[in-house]
PDB file of N, CA and C in Angstrom:
ATOM      1  N   MET A   1       0.823  -1.193   0.000  1.00  0.00           N
ATOM      2  CA  MET A   1       0.000   0.000   0.000  1.00  0.00           C
ATOM      3  C   MET A   1       0.864   1.253   0.000  1.00  0.00           C
ATOM      4  N   ASN A   2       1.950   1.233   0.741  1.00  0.00           N
ATOM      5  CA  ASN A   2       2.844   2.374   0.827  1.00  0.00           C
ATOM      6  C   ASN A   2       3.529   2.638  -0.516  1.00  0.00           C
ATOM      7  N   LYS A   3       3.858   1.591  -1.269  1.00  0.00           N
ATOM      8  CA  LYS A   3       4.498   1.759  -2.576  1.00  0.00           C
ATOM      9  C   LYS A   3       3.533   2.379  -3.574  1.00  0.00           C
ATOM     10  N   LYS A   4       2.259   2.053  -3.454  1.00  0.00           N
ATOM     11  CA  LYS A   4       1.267   2.625  -4.361  1.00  0.00           C
ATOM     12  C   LYS A   4       1.134   4.132  -4.125  1.00  0.00           C
ATOM     13  N   ILE A   5       1.122   4.542  -2.882  1.00  0.00           N
ATOM     14  CA  ILE A   5       1.001   5.958  -2.555  1.00  0.00           C
ATOM     15  C   ILE A   5       2.225   6.718  -3.048  1.00  0.00           C
ATOM     16  N   ILE A   6       3.387   6.172  -2.842  1.00  0.00           N
ATOM     17  CA  ILE A   6       4.629   6.820  -3.282  1.00  0.00           C
ATOM     18  C   ILE A   6       4.674   6.910  -4.804  1.00  0.00           C
ATOM     19  N   SER A   7       4.275   5.861  -5.487  1.00  0.00           N
ATOM     20  CA  SER A   7       4.297   5.889  -6.948  1.00  0.00           C
ATOM     21  C   SER A   7       3.254   6.867  -7.500  1.00  0.00           C
ATOM     22  N   LEU A   8       2.079   6.948  -6.880  1.00  0.00           N
ATOM     23  CA  LEU A   8       1.078   7.920  -7.303  1.00  0.00           C
ATOM     24  C   LEU A   8       1.558   9.350  -7.061  1.00  0.00           C
ATOM     25  N   LEU A   9       2.199   9.584  -5.940  1.00  0.00           N
ATOM     26  CA  LEU A   9       2.750  10.895  -5.649  1.00  0.00           C
ATOM     27  C   LEU A   9       3.835  11.266  -6.661  1.00  0.00           C
ATOM     28  N   PHE A  10       4.688  10.311  -7.001  1.00  0.00           N
ATOM     29  CA  PHE A  10       5.724  10.543  -8.000  1.00  0.00           C
ATOM     30  C   PHE A  10       5.111  10.867  -9.360  1.00  0.00           C
ATOM     31  N   LEU A  11       4.076  10.145  -9.763  1.00  0.00           N
ATOM     32  CA  LEU A  11       3.414  10.412 -11.034  1.00  0.00           C
ATOM     33  C   LEU A  11       2.734  11.781 -11.035  1.00  0.00           C
ATOM     34  N   LEU A  12       2.162  12.157  -9.913  1.00  0.00           N
ATOM     35  CA  LEU A  12       1.533  13.468  -9.803  1.00  0.00           C
ATOM     36  C   LEU A  12       2.569  14.584  -9.955  1.00  0.00           C
ATOM     37  N   ILE A  13       3.695  14.447  -9.294  1.00  0.00           N
ATOM     38  CA  ILE A  13       4.768  15.436  -9.401  1.00  0.00           C
ATOM     39  C   ILE A  13       5.293  15.485 -10.834  1.00  0.00           C
ATOM     40  N   LEU A  14       5.422  14.349 -11.467  1.00  0.00           N
ATOM     41  CA  LEU A  14       5.884  14.283 -12.847  1.00  0.00           C
ATOM     42  C   LEU A  14       4.910  14.993 -13.790  1.00  0.00           C
ATOM     43  N   MET A  15       3.636  14.757 -13.627  1.00  0.00           N
ATOM     44  CA  MET A  15       2.629  15.392 -14.477  1.00  0.00           C
ATOM     45  C   MET A  15       2.594  16.905 -14.275  1.00  0.00           C
ATOM     46  N   VAL A  16       2.720  17.351 -13.040  1.00  0.00           N
ATOM     47  CA  VAL A  16       2.721  18.781 -12.759  1.00  0.00           C
ATOM     48  C   VAL A  16       3.951  19.439 -13.378  1.00  0.00           C
ATOM     49  N   SER A  17       5.097  18.807 -13.289  1.00  0.00           N
ATOM     50  CA  SER A  17       6.307  19.396 -13.859  1.00  0.00           C
ATOM     51  C   SER A  17       6.246  19.417 -15.387  1.00  0.00           C
ATOM     52  N   ILE A  18       5.695  18.382 -16.000  1.00  0.00           N
ATOM     53  CA  ILE A  18       5.540  18.375 -17.460  1.00  0.00           C
ATOM     54  C   ILE A  18       4.587  19.481 -17.895  1.00  0.00           C
ATOM     55  N   THR A  19       3.490  19.648 -17.176  1.00  0.00           N
ATOM     56  CA  THR A  19       2.522  20.691 -17.504  1.00  0.00           C
ATOM     57  C   THR A  19       3.129  22.079 -17.344  1.00  0.00           C
ATOM     58  N   ALA A  20       3.869  22.291 -16.286  1.00  0.00           N
ATOM     59  CA  ALA A  20       4.499  23.597 -16.063  1.00  0.00           C
ATOM     60  C   ALA A  20       5.525  23.898 -17.149  1.00  0.00           C
ATOM     61  N   THR A  21       6.280  22.901 -17.555  1.00  0.00           N
ATOM     62  CA  THR A  21       7.266  23.085 -18.617  1.00  0.00           C
ATOM     63  C   THR A  21       6.590  23.416 -19.936  1.00  0.00           C
ATOM     64  N   TYR A  22       5.507  22.717 -20.251  1.00  0.00           N
ATOM     65  CA  TYR A  22       4.767  22.976 -21.492  1.00  0.00           C
ATOM     66  C   TYR A  22       4.194  24.393 -21.503  1.00  0.00           C
ATOM     67  N   VAL A  23       3.614  24.816 -20.393  1.00  0.00           N
ATOM     68  CA  VAL A  23       3.039  26.160 -20.317  1.00  0.00           C
ATOM     69  C   VAL A  23       4.122  27.216 -20.456  1.00  0.00           C
ATOM     70  N   TYR A  24       5.247  27.003 -19.836  1.00  0.00           N
ATOM     71  CA  TYR A  24       6.342  27.966 -19.912  1.00  0.00           C
ATOM     72  C   TYR A  24       6.829  28.139 -21.348  1.00  0.00           C
ATOM     73  N   PHE A  25       7.078  27.023 -22.032  1.00  0.00           N
ATOM     74  CA  PHE A  25       7.596  27.122 -23.385  1.00  0.00           C
ATOM     75  C   PHE A  25       6.540  27.579 -24.381  1.00  0.00           C
ATOM     76  N   SER A  26       5.288  27.255 -24.178  1.00  0.00           N
ATOM     77  CA  SER A  26       4.256  27.705 -25.111  1.00  0.00           C
ATOM     78  C   SER A  26       4.011  29.204 -24.950  1.00  0.00           C
ATOM     79  N   GLN A  27       4.118  29.748 -23.753  1.00  0.00           N
ATOM     80  CA  GLN A  27       3.984  31.195 -23.564  1.00  0.00           C
ATOM     81  C   GLN A  27       5.167  31.926 -24.168  1.00  0.00           C
ATOM     82  N   LYS A  28       6.336  31.344 -24.075  1.00  0.00           N
ATOM     83  CA  LYS A  28       7.522  31.969 -24.629  1.00  0.00           C
ATOM     84  C   LYS A  28       7.416  32.029 -26.147  1.00  0.00           C
ATOM     85  N   ASP A  29       6.947  30.971 -26.786  1.00  0.00           N
ATOM     86  CA  ASP A  29       6.809  30.954 -28.233  1.00  0.00           C
ATOM     87  C   ASP A  29       5.708  31.887 -28.707  1.00  0.00           C
ATOM     88  N   SER A  30       4.585  31.910 -28.022  1.00  0.00           N
ATOM     89  CA  SER A  30       3.481  32.764 -28.451  1.00  0.00           C
ATOM     90  C   SER A  30       3.797  34.240 -28.210  1.00  0.00           C
ATOM     91  N   GLY A  31       4.621  34.538 -27.243  1.00  0.00           N
ATOM     92  CA  GLY A  31       5.002  35.921 -26.986  1.00  0.00           C
ATOM     93  C   GLY A  31       5.872  36.493 -28.088  1.00  0.00           C
ATOM     94  N   GLU A  32       6.660  35.646 -28.744  1.00  0.00           N
ATOM     95  CA  GLU A  32       7.515  36.115 -29.814  1.00  0.00           C
ATOM     96  C   GLU A  32       6.736  36.383 -31.085  1.00  0.00           C
ATOM     97  N   THR A  33       5.623  35.696 -31.306  1.00  0.00           N
ATOM     98  CA  THR A  33       4.880  35.842 -32.551  1.00  0.00           C
ATOM     99  C   THR A  33       3.830  36.938 -32.485  1.00  0.00           C
ATOM    100  N   GLN A  34       3.526  37.431 -31.319  1.00  0.00           N
ATOM    101  CA  GLN A  34       2.518  38.475 -31.209  1.00  0.00           C
ATOM    102  C   GLN A  34       3.132  39.819 -31.569  1.00  0.00           C
ATOM    103  N   TYR A  35       2.308  40.659 -32.175  1.00  0.00           N
ATOM    104  CA  TYR A  35       2.762  41.990 -32.545  1.00  0.00           C
ATOM    105  C   TYR A  35       2.329  42.974 -31.478  1.00  0.00           C
ATOM    106  N   ASP A  36       3.156  43.948 -31.257  1.00  0.00           N
ATOM    107  CA  ASP A  36       2.851  44.962 -30.254  1.00  0.00           C
ATOM    108  C   ASP A  36       2.261  46.172 -30.960  1.00  0.00           C
ATOM    109  N   ASN A  37       0.942  46.277 -30.957  1.00  0.00           N
ATOM    110  CA  ASN A  37       0.257  47.401 -31.584  1.00  0.00           C
ATOM    111  C   ASN A  37      -0.347  48.316 -30.531  1.00  0.00           C
ATOM    112  N   SER A  38       0.348  48.497 -29.440  1.00  0.00           N
ATOM    113  CA  SER A  38      -0.199  49.293 -28.353  1.00  0.00           C
ATOM    114  C   SER A  38      -0.266  50.778 -28.715  1.00  0.00           C
ATOM    115  N   ASP A  39       0.563  51.228 -29.682  1.00  0.00           N
ATOM    116  CA  ASP A  39       0.539  52.636 -30.042  1.00  0.00           C
ATOM    117  C   ASP A  39      -0.548  52.963 -31.053  1.00  0.00           C
ATOM    118  N   LYS A  40      -1.163  51.972 -31.663  1.00  0.00           N
ATOM    119  CA  LYS A  40      -2.221  52.203 -32.642  1.00  0.00           C
ATOM    120  C   LYS A  40      -3.580  52.081 -31.968  1.00  0.00           C
ATOM    121  N   THR A  41      -4.392  53.099 -32.147  1.00  0.00           N
ATOM    122  CA  THR A  41      -5.733  53.067 -31.577  1.00  0.00           C
ATOM    123  C   THR A  41      -6.729  52.702 -32.666  1.00  0.00           C
ATOM    124  N   VAL A  42      -7.732  51.940 -32.300  1.00  0.00           N
ATOM    125  CA  VAL A  42      -8.769  51.523 -33.227  1.00  0.00           C
ATOM    126  C   VAL A  42     -10.074  52.149 -32.780  1.00  0.00           C
ATOM    127  N   ASN A  43     -10.729  52.835 -33.710  1.00  0.00           N
ATOM    128  CA  ASN A  43     -12.001  53.454 -33.372  1.00  0.00           C
ATOM    129  C   ASN A  43     -13.127  52.766 -34.143  1.00  0.00           C
ATOM    130  N   ASP A  44     -14.339  53.222 -33.925  1.00  0.00           N
ATOM    131  CA  ASP A  44     -15.506  52.598 -34.545  1.00  0.00           C
ATOM    132  C   ASP A  44     -15.495  52.744 -36.064  1.00  0.00           C
ATOM    133  N   ALA A  45     -14.984  53.844 -36.560  1.00  0.00           N
ATOM    134  CA  ALA A  45     -14.956  54.061 -38.007  1.00  0.00           C
ATOM    135  C   ALA A  45     -14.024  53.056 -38.691  1.00  0.00           C
ATOM    136  N   ASP A  46     -12.876  52.755 -38.070  1.00  0.00           N
ATOM    137  CA  ASP A  46     -11.959  51.772 -38.638  1.00  0.00           C
ATOM    138  C   ASP A  46     -12.602  50.389 -38.711  1.00  0.00           C
ATOM    139  N   VAL A  47     -13.290  50.026 -37.654  1.00  0.00           N
ATOM    140  CA  VAL A  47     -13.952  48.717 -37.625  1.00  0.00           C
ATOM    141  C   VAL A  47     -15.063  48.673 -38.667  1.00  0.00           C
ATOM    142  N   ALA A  48     -15.837  49.731 -38.788  1.00  0.00           N
ATOM    143  CA  ALA A  48     -16.924  49.779 -39.772  1.00  0.00           C
ATOM    144  C   ALA A  48     -16.372  49.712 -41.192  1.00  0.00           C
ATOM    145  N   ASN A  49     -15.263  50.375 -41.450  1.00  0.00           N
ATOM    146  CA  ASN A  49     -14.658  50.327 -42.786  1.00  0.00           C
ATOM    147  C   ASN A  49     -14.154  48.931 -43.116  1.00  0.00           C
ATOM    148  N   GLU A  50     -13.557  48.253 -42.168  1.00  0.00           N
ATOM    149  CA  GLU A  50     -13.085  46.888 -42.403  1.00  0.00           C
ATOM    150  C   GLU A  50     -14.248  45.948 -42.698  1.00  0.00           C
ATOM    151  N   ILE A  51     -15.342  46.115 -41.968  1.00  0.00           N
ATOM    152  CA  ILE A  51     -16.517  45.272 -42.202  1.00  0.00           C
ATOM    153  C   ILE A  51     -17.109  45.578 -43.567  1.00  0.00           C
ATOM    154  N   ASP A  52     -17.189  46.851 -43.929  1.00  0.00           N
ATOM    155  CA  ASP A  52     -17.731  47.228 -45.229  1.00  0.00           C
ATOM    156  C   ASP A  52     -16.873  46.698 -46.367  1.00  0.00           C
ATOM    157  N   ASP A  53     -15.561  46.652 -46.177  1.00  0.00           N
ATOM    158  CA  ASP A  53     -14.678  46.143 -47.224  1.00  0.00           C
ATOM    159  C   ASP A  53     -14.880  44.651 -47.473  1.00  0.00           C
ATOM    160  N   MET A  54     -15.358  43.920 -46.482  1.00  0.00           N
ATOM    161  CA  MET A  54     -15.588  42.493 -46.661  1.00  0.00           C
ATOM    162  C   MET A  54     -16.823  42.216 -47.506  1.00  0.00           C
ATOM    163  N   PHE A  55     -17.775  43.144 -47.520  1.00  0.00           N
ATOM    164  CA  PHE A  55     -19.004  42.949 -48.273  1.00  0.00           C
ATOM    165  C   PHE A  55     -18.889  43.600 -49.652  1.00  0.00           C
ATOM    166  N   LEU A  56     -19.887  43.392 -50.469  1.00  0.00           N
ATOM    167  CA  LEU A  56     -19.891  43.943 -51.826  1.00  0.00           C
ATOM    168  C   LEU A  56     -20.099  45.449 -51.801  1.00  0.00           C
ATOM    169  N   GLU A  57     -19.504  46.110 -52.758  1.00  0.00           N
ATOM    170  CA  GLU A  57     -19.734  47.534 -52.931  1.00  0.00           C
ATOM    171  C   GLU A  57     -21.108  47.742 -53.554  1.00  0.00           C
ATOM    172  N   GLU A  58     -21.620  48.956 -53.495  1.00  0.00           N
ATOM    173  CA  GLU A  58     -22.943  49.237 -54.020  1.00  0.00           C
ATOM    174  C   GLU A  58     -23.002  49.083 -55.530  1.00  0.00           C
ATOM    175  N   ASP A  59     -21.903  49.343 -56.232  1.00  0.00           N
ATOM    176  CA  ASP A  59     -21.920  49.259 -57.691  1.00  0.00           C
ATOM    177  C   ASP A  59     -21.617  47.858 -58.210  1.00  0.00           C
ATOM    178  N   ASP A  60     -21.296  46.909 -57.354  1.00  0.00           N
ATOM    179  CA  ASP A  60     -21.070  45.532 -57.778  1.00  0.00           C
ATOM    180  C   ASP A  60     -22.396  44.855 -58.066  1.00  0.00           C
ATOM    181  N   GLU A  61     -22.415  44.037 -59.106  1.00  0.00           N
ATOM    182  CA  GLU A  61     -23.623  43.321 -59.482  1.00  0.00           C
ATOM    183  C   GLU A  61     -23.486  41.865 -59.068  1.00  0.00           C
ATOM    184  N   VAL A  62     -24.584  41.306 -58.619  1.00  0.00           N
ATOM    185  CA  VAL A  62     -24.592  39.912 -58.210  1.00  0.00           C
ATOM    186  C   VAL A  62     -25.706  39.202 -58.960  1.00  0.00           C
ATOM    187  N   GLU A  63     -25.354  38.103 -59.568  1.00  0.00           N
ATOM    188  CA  GLU A  63     -26.352  37.284 -60.242  1.00  0.00           C
ATOM    189  C   GLU A  63     -27.090  36.475 -59.185  1.00  0.00           C
ATOM    190  N   ILE A  64     -28.348  36.142 -59.461  1.00  0.00           N
ATOM    191  CA  ILE A  64     -29.137  35.346 -58.529  1.00  0.00           C
ATOM    192  C   ILE A  64     -28.493  33.972 -58.322  1.00  0.00           C
ATOM    193  N   GLY A  65     -27.902  33.411 -59.355  1.00  0.00           N
ATOM    194  CA  GLY A  65     -27.246  32.101 -59.239  1.00  0.00           C
ATOM    195  C   GLY A  65     -26.014  32.143 -58.356  1.00  0.00           C
ATOM    196  N   ASP A  66     -25.359  33.306 -58.293  1.00  0.00           N
ATOM    197  CA  ASP A  66     -24.174  33.432 -57.450  1.00  0.00           C
ATOM    198  C   ASP A  66     -24.526  33.410 -55.974  1.00  0.00           C
ATOM    199  N   ILE A  67     -25.703  33.867 -55.630  1.00  0.00           N
ATOM    200  CA  ILE A  67     -26.107  33.909 -54.233  1.00  0.00           C
ATOM    201  C   ILE A  67     -26.329  32.496 -53.706  1.00  0.00           C
ATOM    202  N   VAL A  68     -26.914  31.655 -54.564  1.00  0.00           N
ATOM    203  CA  VAL A  68     -27.212  30.280 -54.139  1.00  0.00           C
ATOM    204  C   VAL A  68     -25.979  29.491 -54.263  1.00  0.00           C
TER     205      VAL A  68
END
């Protein structure tokens, strides 16, 4: 019974250390790929323009078959 408790405790410590190592390295990698845009402000007009650019312009024509 004592060996089972010790082995379970060892496995628990092993799992916690593996998880901590994974979290540490994944945060380090994701931190390098993120861009720092803290100096750029985004307002409602910018968001509205981006959304409008995704949709069709008023002068674009759409065939009924294209919609389906």
